[in-house]
C-alpha atoms as a PDB file:
ATOM      1  CA  MET A   1       0.024   0.010   0.382  1.00  0.00           C
ATOM      2  CA  ILE A   2       2.694   2.452   1.174  1.00  0.00           C
ATOM      3  CA  GLY A   3       4.780   1.567  -2.020  1.00  0.00           C
ATOM      4  CA  ALA A   4       1.744   2.313  -4.583  1.00  0.00           C
ATOM      5  CA  ALA A   5       1.142   5.511  -2.659  1.00  0.00           C
ATOM      6  CA  ALA A   6       4.812   6.761  -2.482  1.00  0.00           C
ATOM      7  CA  PRO A   7       4.320   9.320  -5.428  1.00  0.00           C
ATOM      8  CA  LEU A   8       1.191  10.982  -3.371  1.00  0.00           C
ATOM      9  CA  ILE A   9       3.194  10.817  -0.383  1.00  0.00           C
ATOM     10  CA  ALA A  10       6.323  12.412  -1.313  1.00  0.00           C
ATOM     11  CA  LEU A  11       3.970  15.184  -3.376  1.00  0.00           C
ATOM     12  CA  VAL A  12       2.431  16.051  -0.266  1.00  0.00           C
ATOM     13  CA  GLY A  13       5.561  16.060   1.862  1.00  0.00           C
ATOM     14  CA  VAL A  14       7.212  18.617  -0.402  1.00  0.00           C
ATOM     15  CA  THR A  15       4.159  20.514  -0.476  1.00  0.00           C
ATOM     16  CA  GLY A  16       4.102  20.509   3.375  1.00  0.00           C
ATOM     17  CA  LEU A  17       7.316  22.059   3.202  1.00  0.00           C
ATOM     18  CA  ALA A  18       6.331  24.683   1.449  1.00  0.00           C
ATOM     19  CA  ILE A  19       3.338  25.255   3.625  1.00  0.00           C
ATOM     20  CA  GLY A  20       5.260  25.246   6.458  1.00  0.00           C
ATOM     21  CA  SER A  21       7.537  28.274   5.271  1.00  0.00           C
ATOM     22  CA  PHE A  22       4.474  30.084   4.591  1.00  0.00           C
ATOM     23  CA  LEU A  23       3.319  29.307   8.086  1.00  0.00           C
ATOM     24  CA  ASN A  24       6.354  30.766   9.384  1.00  0.00           C
ATOM     25  CA  VAL A  25       5.033  34.268   8.002  1.00  0.00           C
ATOM     26  CA  VAL A  26       1.570  33.451   9.422  1.00  0.00           C
ATOM     27  CA  VAL A  27       2.443  33.261  12.759  1.00  0.00           C
ATOM     28  CA  TYR A  28       4.556  35.901  12.943  1.00  0.00           C
ATOM     29  CA  ARG A  29       2.465  38.289  11.260  1.00  0.00           C
ATOM     30  CA  VAL A  30      -1.151  37.594  11.730  1.00  0.00           C
ATOM     31  CA  PRO A  31      -1.130  38.179  15.631  1.00  0.00           C
ATOM     32  CA  ALA A  32       0.615  41.285  14.613  1.00  0.00           C
ATOM     33  CA  GLY A  33      -2.047  42.441  12.438  1.00  0.00           C
ATOM     34  CA  MET A  34       0.121  42.598   9.335  1.00  0.00           C
ATOM     35  CA  SER A  35      -0.285  41.282   5.593  1.00  0.00           C
ATOM     36  CA  VAL A  36       0.961  37.952   4.771  1.00  0.00           C
ATOM     37  CA  VAL A  37       1.539  38.908   1.432  1.00  0.00           C
ATOM     38  CA  ARG A  38       3.456  42.238   1.692  1.00  0.00           C
ATOM     39  CA  PRO A  39       6.316  43.210   2.321  1.00  0.00           C
ATOM     40  CA  ARG A  40       8.362  40.483   1.440  1.00  0.00           C
ATOM     41  CA  SER A  41      10.015  38.614   3.957  1.00  0.00           C
ATOM     42  CA  ALA A  42      13.208  40.480   5.104  1.00  0.00           C
ATOM     43  CA  CYS A  43      16.127  39.677   7.908  1.00  0.00           C
ATOM     44  CA  PRO A  44      14.415  41.321  11.241  1.00  0.00           C
ATOM     45  CA  ASN A  45      18.087  42.560  12.196  1.00  0.00           C
ATOM     46  CA  CYS A  46      19.483  44.172   9.146  1.00  0.00           C
ATOM     47  CA  GLY A  47      16.424  44.655   6.876  1.00  0.00           C
ATOM     48  CA  HIS A  48      17.358  43.026   4.019  1.00  0.00           C
ATOM     49  CA  GLU A  49      15.029  40.894   1.761  1.00  0.00           C
ATOM     50  CA  ILE A  50      15.396  37.244   2.001  1.00  0.00           C
ATOM     51  CA  THR A  51      16.368  36.324  -1.823  1.00  0.00           C
ATOM     52  CA  ALA A  52      14.786  33.186  -3.311  1.00  0.00           C
ATOM     53  CA  ARG A  53      17.724  31.166  -3.121  1.00  0.00           C
ATOM     54  CA  ASP A  54      17.694  31.686   0.671  1.00  0.00           C
ATOM     55  CA  ASN A  55      13.818  30.680   0.854  1.00  0.00           C
ATOM     56  CA  VAL A  56      14.328  27.227  -0.047  1.00  0.00           C
ATOM     57  CA  PRO A  57      12.525  25.624   3.354  1.00  0.00           C
ATOM     58  CA  VAL A  58      14.913  23.495   5.612  1.00  0.00           C
ATOM     59  CA  LEU A  59      17.781  23.498   3.152  1.00  0.00           C
ATOM     60  CA  SER A  60      18.438  27.462   2.782  1.00  0.00           C
ATOM     61  CA  TRP A  61      18.783  27.193   6.919  1.00  0.00           C
ATOM     62  CA  LEU A  62      20.908  24.340   6.877  1.00  0.00           C
ATOM     63  CA  LEU A  63      23.160  25.831   4.027  1.00  0.00           C
ATOM     64  CA  LEU A  64      23.355  29.147   5.885  1.00  0.00           C
ATOM     65  CA  ARG A  65      24.378  27.402   9.028  1.00  0.00           C
ATOM     66  CA  GLY A  66      21.384  29.454  10.708  1.00  0.00           C
ATOM     67  CA  LYS A  67      22.492  32.735  10.201  1.00  0.00           C
ATOM     68  CA  CYS A  68      21.593  35.757   7.778  1.00  0.00           C
ATOM     69  CA  ARG A  69      23.447  35.701   4.495  1.00  0.00           C
ATOM     70  CA  ASP A  70      24.058  39.706   5.013  1.00  0.00           C
ATOM     71  CA  CYS A  71      24.399  40.216   8.702  1.00  0.00           C
ATOM     72  CA  ALA A  72      24.995  36.670  10.079  1.00  0.00           C
ATOM     73  CA  GLU A  73      22.752  37.209  12.655  1.00  0.00           C
ATOM     74  CA  PRO A  74      21.344  33.926  14.033  1.00  0.00           C
ATOM     75  CA  ILE A  75      18.150  33.033  12.291  1.00  0.00           C
ATOM     76  CA  SER A  76      15.745  30.984  14.594  1.00  0.00           C
ATOM     77  CA  LYS A  77      15.433  27.411  14.643  1.00  0.00           C
ATOM     78  CA  ARG A  78      11.749  27.461  15.080  1.00  0.00           C
ATOM     79  CA  TYR A  79      11.520  28.301  11.267  1.00  0.00           C
ATOM     80  CA  PRO A  80      13.141  24.824   9.971  1.00  0.00           C
ATOM     81  CA  LEU A  81      11.137  23.144  12.687  1.00  0.00           C
ATOM     82  CA  VAL A  82       7.819  24.654  11.548  1.00  0.00           C
ATOM     83  CA  GLU A  83       8.730  23.519   8.029  1.00  0.00           C
ATOM     84  CA  LEU A  84       9.754  20.254   9.151  1.00  0.00           C
ATOM     85  CA  ALA A  85       6.447  19.821  11.143  1.00  0.00           C
ATOM     86  CA  GLY A  86       4.260  21.028   8.181  1.00  0.00           C
ATOM     87  CA  ALA A  87       5.989  18.298   5.884  1.00  0.00           C
ATOM     88  CA  ALA A  88       5.588  15.644   8.919  1.00  0.00           C
ATOM     89  CA  ALA A  89       1.870  16.588   9.047  1.00  0.00           C
ATOM     90  CA  PHE A  90       1.127  16.411   5.627  1.00  0.00           C
ATOM     91  CA  VAL A  91       2.665  13.364   5.320  1.00  0.00           C
ATOM     92  CA  MET A  92       0.314  11.618   8.156  1.00  0.00           C
ATOM     93  CA  VAL A  93      -2.682  13.010   6.370  1.00  0.00           C
ATOM     94  CA  GLY A  94      -1.191  11.525   2.676  1.00  0.00           C
ATOM     95  CA  LEU A  95      -1.161   8.264   4.509  1.00  0.00           C
ATOM     96  CA  TRP A  96      -4.286   8.413   6.106  1.00  0.00           C
ATOM     97  CA  ALA A  97      -5.670   9.308   2.669  1.00  0.00           C
ATOM     98  CA  ALA A  98      -3.654   6.712   0.363  1.00  0.00           C
ATOM     99  CA  PRO A  99      -6.266   3.677   1.122  1.00  0.00           C
ATOM    100  CA  GLN A 100      -9.452   5.972  -0.081  1.00  0.00           C
ATOM    101  CA  PHE A 101      -7.433   6.616  -3.410  1.00  0.00           C
ATOM    102  CA  ALA A 102      -6.785   2.556  -3.516  1.00  0.00           C
ATOM    103  CA  VAL A 103     -10.537   1.579  -3.356  1.00  0.00           C
ATOM    104  CA  ALA A 104     -11.554   4.570  -5.785  1.00  0.00           C
ATOM    105  CA  SER A 105     -13.363   3.145  -8.877  1.00  0.00           C
ATOM    106  CA  GLY A 106     -14.489   6.251 -11.413  1.00  0.00           C
ATOM    107  CA  VAL A 107     -13.897   9.940 -11.232  1.00  0.00           C
ATOM    108  CA  THR A 108     -16.418  10.757  -9.238  1.00  0.00           C
ATOM    109  CA  ALA A 109     -14.718   8.633  -6.308  1.00  0.00           C
ATOM    110  CA  VAL A 110     -11.408   9.742  -7.073  1.00  0.00           C
ATOM    111  CA  VAL A 111     -12.617  13.654  -7.059  1.00  0.00           C
ATOM    112  CA  ALA A 112     -14.019  12.896  -3.725  1.00  0.00           C
ATOM    113  CA  ALA A 113     -10.971  11.239  -2.412  1.00  0.00           C
ATOM    114  CA  VAL A 114      -9.059  14.389  -3.416  1.00  0.00           C
ATOM    115  CA  LEU A 115     -11.539  16.817  -1.816  1.00  0.00           C
ATOM    116  CA  HIS A 116     -11.058  14.923   1.277  1.00  0.00           C
ATOM    117  CA  LEU A 117      -7.514  15.120   1.117  1.00  0.00           C
ATOM    118  CA  VAL A 118      -7.063  18.974   0.464  1.00  0.00           C
ATOM    119  CA  ALA A 119      -9.639  19.028   3.307  1.00  0.00           C
ATOM    120  CA  LEU A 120      -7.402  17.322   5.635  1.00  0.00           C
ATOM    121  CA  LEU A 121      -4.496  19.083   4.543  1.00  0.00           C
ATOM    122  CA  TYR A 122      -5.846  22.271   4.952  1.00  0.00           C
ATOM    123  CA  LEU A 123      -6.893  21.211   8.455  1.00  0.00           C
ATOM    124  CA  ALA A 124      -3.566  20.238   9.164  1.00  0.00           C
ATOM    125  CA  ALA A 125      -1.710  23.482   8.062  1.00  0.00           C
ATOM    126  CA  ILE A 126      -4.400  25.746  10.454  1.00  0.00           C
ATOM    127  CA  SER A 127      -4.101  23.433  13.104  1.00  0.00           C
ATOM    128  CA  LEU A 128      -0.193  24.001  13.190  1.00  0.00           C
ATOM    129  CA  ALA A 129      -0.530  27.689  12.428  1.00  0.00           C
ATOM    130  CA  LEU A 130      -3.171  28.148  15.483  1.00  0.00           C
ATOM    131  CA  ALA A 131      -1.301  25.972  17.864  1.00  0.00           C
ATOM    132  CA  ILE A 132       1.805  28.138  17.585  1.00  0.00           C
ATOM    133  CA  ILE A 133       0.191  31.547  17.802  1.00  0.00           C
ATOM    134  CA  ASP A 134      -2.279  30.183  20.836  1.00  0.00           C
ATOM    135  CA  ILE A 135       0.800  29.088  22.815  1.00  0.00           C
ATOM    136  CA  GLU A 136       2.818  32.395  22.289  1.00  0.00           C
ATOM    137  CA  THR A 137      -0.388  34.761  22.371  1.00  0.00           C
ATOM    138  CA  HIS A 138      -3.248  32.987  23.839  1.00  0.00           C
ATOM    139  CA  ARG A 139      -5.416  33.922  20.623  1.00  0.00           C
ATOM    140  CA  LEU A 140      -6.986  31.910  18.106  1.00  0.00           C
ATOM    141  CA  PRO A 141      -7.355  34.654  15.403  1.00  0.00           C
ATOM    142  CA  ASN A 142     -10.596  35.012  13.547  1.00  0.00           C
ATOM    143  CA  VAL A 143      -8.722  35.506  10.271  1.00  0.00           C
ATOM    144  CA  ILE A 144      -7.469  32.004  10.294  1.00  0.00           C
ATOM    145  CA  VAL A 145     -10.536  30.105  12.353  1.00  0.00           C
ATOM    146  CA  LEU A 146     -13.634  31.565  10.224  1.00  0.00           C
ATOM    147  CA  PRO A 147     -12.828  30.742   6.723  1.00  0.00           C
ATOM    148  CA  GLY A 148     -12.395  27.024   8.091  1.00  0.00           C
ATOM    149  CA  TYR A 149     -16.330  26.771   8.352  1.00  0.00           C
ATOM    150  CA  ALA A 150     -16.515  27.707   4.558  1.00  0.00           C
ATOM    151  CA  VAL A 151     -13.236  25.576   3.237  1.00  0.00           C
ATOM    152  CA  GLY A 152     -14.751  22.372   5.220  1.00  0.00           C
ATOM    153  CA  ALA A 153     -18.265  22.951   4.014  1.00  0.00           C
ATOM    154  CA  VAL A 154     -17.296  23.513   0.249  1.00  0.00           C
ATOM    155  CA  LEU A 155     -14.759  20.592   0.350  1.00  0.00           C
ATOM    156  CA  LEU A 156     -16.171  18.094   2.427  1.00  0.00           C
ATOM    157  CA  GLY A 157     -19.919  18.697   1.501  1.00  0.00           C
ATOM    158  CA  THR A 158     -18.988  18.176  -2.129  1.00  0.00           C
ATOM    159  CA  ALA A 159     -17.260  15.415  -1.596  1.00  0.00           C
ATOM    160  CA  ALA A 160     -20.312  13.908   0.447  1.00  0.00           C
ATOM    161  CA  LEU A 161     -22.379  14.988  -2.412  1.00  0.00           C
ATOM    162  CA  LEU A 162     -20.808  13.322  -5.091  1.00  0.00           C
ATOM    163  CA  GLN A 163     -20.386  10.035  -3.002  1.00  0.00           C
ATOM    164  CA  GLY A 164     -24.496  10.422  -2.345  1.00  0.00           C
ATOM    165  CA  ASP A 165     -23.507  10.339   1.554  1.00  0.00           C
ATOM    166  CA  LEU A 166     -26.590  12.855   2.786  1.00  0.00           C
ATOM    167  CA  MET A 167     -26.086  11.442   6.274  1.00  0.00           C
ATOM    168  CA  GLY A 168     -22.515  12.899   6.074  1.00  0.00           C
ATOM    169  CA  LEU A 169     -24.080  16.345   5.572  1.00  0.00           C
ATOM    170  CA  GLY A 170     -25.948  15.861   8.100  1.00  0.00           C
ATOM    171  CA  ARG A 171     -23.177  14.974  10.673  1.00  0.00           C
ATOM    172  CA  MET A 172     -21.104  17.904   9.190  1.00  0.00           C
ATOM    173  CA  ALA A 173     -23.778  20.175  10.186  1.00  0.00           C
ATOM    174  CA  ALA A 174     -24.614  18.699  13.678  1.00  0.00           C
ATOM    175  CA  GLY A 175     -21.040  18.184  14.504  1.00  0.00           C
ATOM    176  CA  ALA A 176     -20.267  21.500  13.921  1.00  0.00           C
ATOM    177  CA  GLY A 177     -23.471  22.605  15.665  1.00  0.00           C
ATOM    178  CA  ILE A 178     -22.997  20.258  18.642  1.00  0.00           C
ATOM    179  CA  LEU A 179     -19.168  21.443  19.464  1.00  0.00           C
ATOM    180  CA  PHE A 180     -19.942  25.125  18.882  1.00  0.00           C
ATOM    181  CA  ALA A 181     -22.957  24.990  21.431  1.00  0.00           C
ATOM    182  CA  PHE A 182     -21.048  22.877  23.865  1.00  0.00           C
ATOM    183  CA  TYR A 183     -17.872  25.026  24.056  1.00  0.00           C
ATOM    184  CA  PHE A 184     -20.119  28.277  24.170  1.00  0.00           C
ATOM    185  CA  VAL A 185     -21.842  26.834  27.234  1.00  0.00           C
ATOM    186  CA  LEU A 186     -18.245  26.016  29.051  1.00  0.00           C
ATOM    187  CA  ALA A 187     -17.613  29.603  27.701  1.00  0.00           C
ATOM    188  CA  ILE A 188     -20.627  31.184  29.638  1.00  0.00           C
ATOM    189  CA  ILE A 189     -20.084  28.766  32.868  1.00  0.00           C
ATOM    190  CA  SER A 190     -16.314  29.851  32.795  1.00  0.00           C
ATOM    191  CA  PRO A 191     -15.432  32.659  30.814  1.00  0.00           C
ATOM    192  CA  ARG A 192     -11.750  32.389  32.111  1.00  0.00           C
ATOM    193  CA  GLY A 193     -11.183  29.145  31.194  1.00  0.00           C
ATOM    194  CA  MET A 194     -12.704  29.312  27.586  1.00  0.00           C
ATOM    195  CA  GLY A 195     -12.518  31.582  25.294  1.00  0.00           C
ATOM    196  CA  MET A 196     -14.558  32.731  22.284  1.00  0.00           C
ATOM    197  CA  GLY A 197     -11.862  31.785  20.032  1.00  0.00           C
ATOM    198  CA  ASP A 198     -12.176  28.263  21.176  1.00  0.00           C
ATOM    199  CA  VAL A 199     -15.915  28.297  20.937  1.00  0.00           C
ATOM    200  CA  LYS A 200     -15.255  29.396  17.114  1.00  0.00           C
ATOM    201  CA  LEU A 201     -12.880  26.811  16.639  1.00  0.00           C
ATOM    202  CA  ALA A 202     -15.014  24.089  18.282  1.00  0.00           C
ATOM    203  CA  GLY A 203     -17.625  24.356  15.719  1.00  0.00           C
ATOM    204  CA  VAL A 204     -14.765  24.185  12.763  1.00  0.00           C
ATOM    205  CA  LEU A 205     -13.261  21.062  14.292  1.00  0.00           C
ATOM    206  CA  GLY A 206     -17.262  19.365  14.563  1.00  0.00           C
ATOM    207  CA  LEU A 207     -17.619  20.052  11.031  1.00  0.00           C
ATOM    208  CA  PHE A 208     -14.511  18.253   9.996  1.00  0.00           C
ATOM    209  CA  LEU A 209     -14.963  15.288  12.218  1.00  0.00           C
ATOM    210  CA  GLY A 210     -18.627  14.892  11.670  1.00  0.00           C
ATOM    211  CA  SER A 211     -17.773  14.483   7.871  1.00  0.00           C
ATOM    212  CA  LEU A 212     -15.847  11.334   8.786  1.00  0.00           C
ATOM    213  CA  GLY A 213     -18.092   9.674  11.511  1.00  0.00           C
ATOM    214  CA  TRP A 214     -19.701   9.825  14.860  1.00  0.00           C
ATOM    215  CA  GLY A 215     -16.972   7.786  16.586  1.00  0.00           C
ATOM    216  CA  GLN A 216     -14.477  10.260  15.202  1.00  0.00           C
ATOM    217  CA  LEU A 217     -16.443  13.062  16.445  1.00  0.00           C
ATOM    218  CA  ALA A 218     -16.686  11.869  19.772  1.00  0.00           C
ATOM    219  CA  VAL A 219     -13.132  10.563  20.359  1.00  0.00           C
ATOM    220  CA  GLY A 220     -12.078  13.969  18.752  1.00  0.00           C
ATOM    221  CA  ALA A 221     -13.887  15.714  21.012  1.00  0.00           C
ATOM    222  CA  GLY A 222     -13.437  14.089  24.403  1.00  0.00           C
ATOM    223  CA  ALA A 223      -9.444  13.800  23.496  1.00  0.00           C
ATOM    224  CA  ALA A 224      -9.115  17.257  23.763  1.00  0.00           C
ATOM    225  CA  PHE A 225     -10.048  17.242  27.742  1.00  0.00           C
ATOM    226  CA  VAL A 226      -8.275  14.036  28.167  1.00  0.00           C
ATOM    227  CA  LEU A 227      -4.866  15.198  26.725  1.00  0.00           C
ATOM    228  CA  GLY A 228      -5.474  19.277  28.026  1.00  0.00           C
ATOM    229  CA  GLY A 229      -5.925  17.655  31.566  1.00  0.00           C
ATOM    230  CA  LEU A 230      -3.348  15.469  31.646  1.00  0.00           C
ATOM    231  CA  PHE A 231      -0.809  18.275  30.691  1.00  0.00           C
ATOM    232  CA  SER A 232      -2.492  20.382  33.480  1.00  0.00           C
ATOM    233  CA  ILE A 233      -1.802  17.595  36.050  1.00  0.00           C
ATOM    234  CA  ILE A 234       1.939  17.292  35.212  1.00  0.00           C
ATOM    235  CA  LEU A 235       2.453  21.156  35.193  1.00  0.00           C
ATOM    236  CA  LEU A 236       0.495  21.076  38.633  1.00  0.00           C
ATOM    237  CA  ILE A 237       2.949  18.339  39.791  1.00  0.00           C
ATOM    238  CA  THR A 238       5.920  19.614  38.581  1.00  0.00           C
ATOM    239  CA  ARG A 239       4.804  23.033  39.983  1.00  0.00           C
ATOM    240  CA  ARG A 240       5.288  24.947  36.461  1.00  0.00           C
ATOM    241  CA  ALA A 241       1.709  25.979  36.716  1.00  0.00           C
ATOM    242  CA  GLY A 242      -0.662  26.840  39.579  1.00  0.00           C
ATOM    243  CA  ARG A 243      -4.367  26.466  39.772  1.00  0.00           C
ATOM    244  CA  LYS A 244      -5.334  29.788  38.392  1.00  0.00           C
ATOM    245  CA  SER A 245      -2.652  29.873  35.604  1.00  0.00           C
ATOM    246  CA  GLY A 246      -3.899  30.585  32.326  1.00  0.00           C
ATOM    247  CA  ILE A 247      -3.196  27.316  29.810  1.00  0.00           C
ATOM    248  CA  PRO A 248      -4.202  27.939  26.218  1.00  0.00           C
ATOM    249  CA  PHE A 249      -6.788  25.194  25.302  1.00  0.00           C
ATOM    250  CA  GLY A 250      -6.561  25.209  21.672  1.00  0.00           C
ATOM    251  CA  PRO A 251      -3.842  23.136  21.020  1.00  0.00           C
ATOM    252  CA  TRP A 252      -5.425  20.601  22.874  1.00  0.00           C
ATOM    253  CA  MET A 253      -8.596  20.837  20.700  1.00  0.00           C
ATOM    254  CA  LEU A 254      -6.428  20.514  17.801  1.00  0.00           C
ATOM    255  CA  LEU A 255      -4.705  17.628  19.174  1.00  0.00           C
ATOM    256  CA  GLY A 256      -7.587  15.762  20.238  1.00  0.00           C
ATOM    257  CA  ALA A 257      -9.462  16.416  16.961  1.00  0.00           C
ATOM    258  CA  TRP A 258      -6.433  14.496  15.326  1.00  0.00           C
ATOM    259  CA  VAL A 259      -6.577  11.582  17.571  1.00  0.00           C
ATOM    260  CA  GLY A 260     -10.310  11.512  16.251  1.00  0.00           C
ATOM    261  CA  VAL A 261      -9.321  11.680  12.600  1.00  0.00           C
ATOM    262  CA  PHE A 262      -6.547   9.213  12.654  1.00  0.00           C
ATOM    263  CA  ALA A 263      -7.848   7.245  15.443  1.00  0.00           C
ATOM    264  CA  GLY A 264     -11.526   7.567  16.005  1.00  0.00           C
ATOM    265  CA  GLN A 265     -12.843   4.856  14.499  1.00  0.00           C
ATOM    266  CA  ALA A 266     -11.043   2.394  16.317  1.00  0.00           C
ATOM    267  CA  ILE A 267     -10.934   3.995  19.355  1.00  0.00           C
ATOM    268  CA  ALA A 268     -14.817   4.387  19.362  1.00  0.00           C
ATOM    269  CA  GLY A 269     -15.174   0.593  17.895  1.00  0.00           C
ATOM    270  CA  SER A 270     -13.063  -0.615  20.911  1.00  0.00           C
ATOM    271  CA  TYR A 271     -15.079   1.356  23.858  1.00  0.00           C
ATOM    272  CA  LEU A 272     -18.673   0.005  22.299  1.00  0.00           C
ATOM    273  CA  ALA A 273     -17.169  -3.545  22.296  1.00  0.00           C
ATOM    274  CA  ILE A 274     -15.902  -3.326  25.974  1.00  0.00           C
ATOM    275  CA  VAL A 275     -19.308  -2.231  27.192  1.00  0.00           C
ATOM    276  CA  GLY A 276     -21.346  -4.693  25.046  1.00  0.00           C
ATOM    277  CA  LEU A 277     -22.774  -2.330  22.532  1.00  0.00           C
END
């Protein structure tokens, strides 16, 4: 299976490197209210624009030995790490999507598989950007979160229609509505612990998870609280945080959602088998 999917995996991996390079711009400029298009990227120390040869993901950083070509100021390791993270995330999504392409027969099925792949790659990209921004600024910018509703609805909704999966459309709407409403109630009850950015993100994640199945939706939603809770307990035990410390929940929502994507069906099936359902 992997051998047959190698061209697909290679393509999405290289694309992930390029997207990771762009995400470095996004996580720096969006919180600052700057355009991600202009001006061109430049060294923050000397102001020289970064040329195309010095903007090749990972490779340029290695060849420059982590320093600006013009002023020799160190370039943060975060840049190549984010690029590699983008590649790794895209490869994982490619591996997830490969079986869909293997069983796809006919143009309609192939197009639906492509739409699913593109939708999950998009989610992977914004997940990485939002996680970094939330960790650094405790914010989930609307400019990144809100388009997720439209992108997910168009790509996944079209795929569902092509496959004649009207139940899938219903799950998408239900997933978005259920998670949005649940997080909204949490934000009303505990505004210091849950922000409206989390509420808006919950709806996006519910839409994507709902398109995959009820098991993925349930596991993806629950995993956020399990993972976030375990992390908080570790911080409390190691005294790196107190009971009133503000810990961004967005990264755990995103990580939990990906647990739902990759393992939600298996986890839900195992749980139902244990309880005899």
